[in-house]
Amino acid sequence: MGPSVTLFGKLRAKYEVAMQPLGRAIGGVGISPNMISTVSLIIAFGSAVAYASKEPLLGALGLLGSGVVDMLDGSVARATGAVTRFGAVYDPVLDRYAEFAILFGMGFGGLVNWPWVVFSLCGMVMASYTRARAESVGGLEHCRVGLAERQEKIILLLIGSLLQPAFNAALPIAVLVVGILSHMTVVQRLNFTYAKTRGVRVNV
């Protein structure tokens, strides 16, 4: 793998295999991947409320919980064979709503200045949008390249949240770093797509 592959890219396959037993167990009781995605979003909203209430540690707990639950939906889908086209759209859409909610909570709580919130959100949304376009219109099998995907961003925000009570610039710095890495990921994904599709024309 090249240096543009996401930081946790090498661990993805091992994680997916390790989570299959849990995915089968959850799917066996009738819980669908889309239900898990919805629960993840609800937890993210709770995290946002905590951040808006100036409670970064509670916000971090909700952020962690949302991230862990969000990882389970793919495990259930793969383990039970319940991978659907709708689910492939539904999950990332809810992920974007979760990101907006959490960063808006930080902004409303006064933990992070609004310009940094907007800067980071734009980067996160555009990184996801670039990947989606590359894999749809660009025809790429995958575009999981760049410095940061959702897992890396969650970890950075968790670190900032946990350090915030002792260092009140920790969370703003984390949000700023997430924004920078997200915008850099956009550039890397555009370069990757250009290299893979160079000379390929589409009908308009």
Foldseek 3Di string as FASTA:
>chain_A
DDPFFEPCPVVVVVVLVVCQVVLCVVVVVPDALLNLLVVLLVLLLVLLQCLLQVNLVSNLVSLVVSVVSLVSSVSNCVNVVVDDPVSVVSNVVSVLVSLLSNLVSNCNNVLAPPVLSVLLSVLLVLLVVLQVCCVPVLVDVGQNTFHDDPVVLSVLQSQLSVCCVVPSCSNNVSSNVNSVRSNRSNVVSVVVSCVVCPPPDDDD
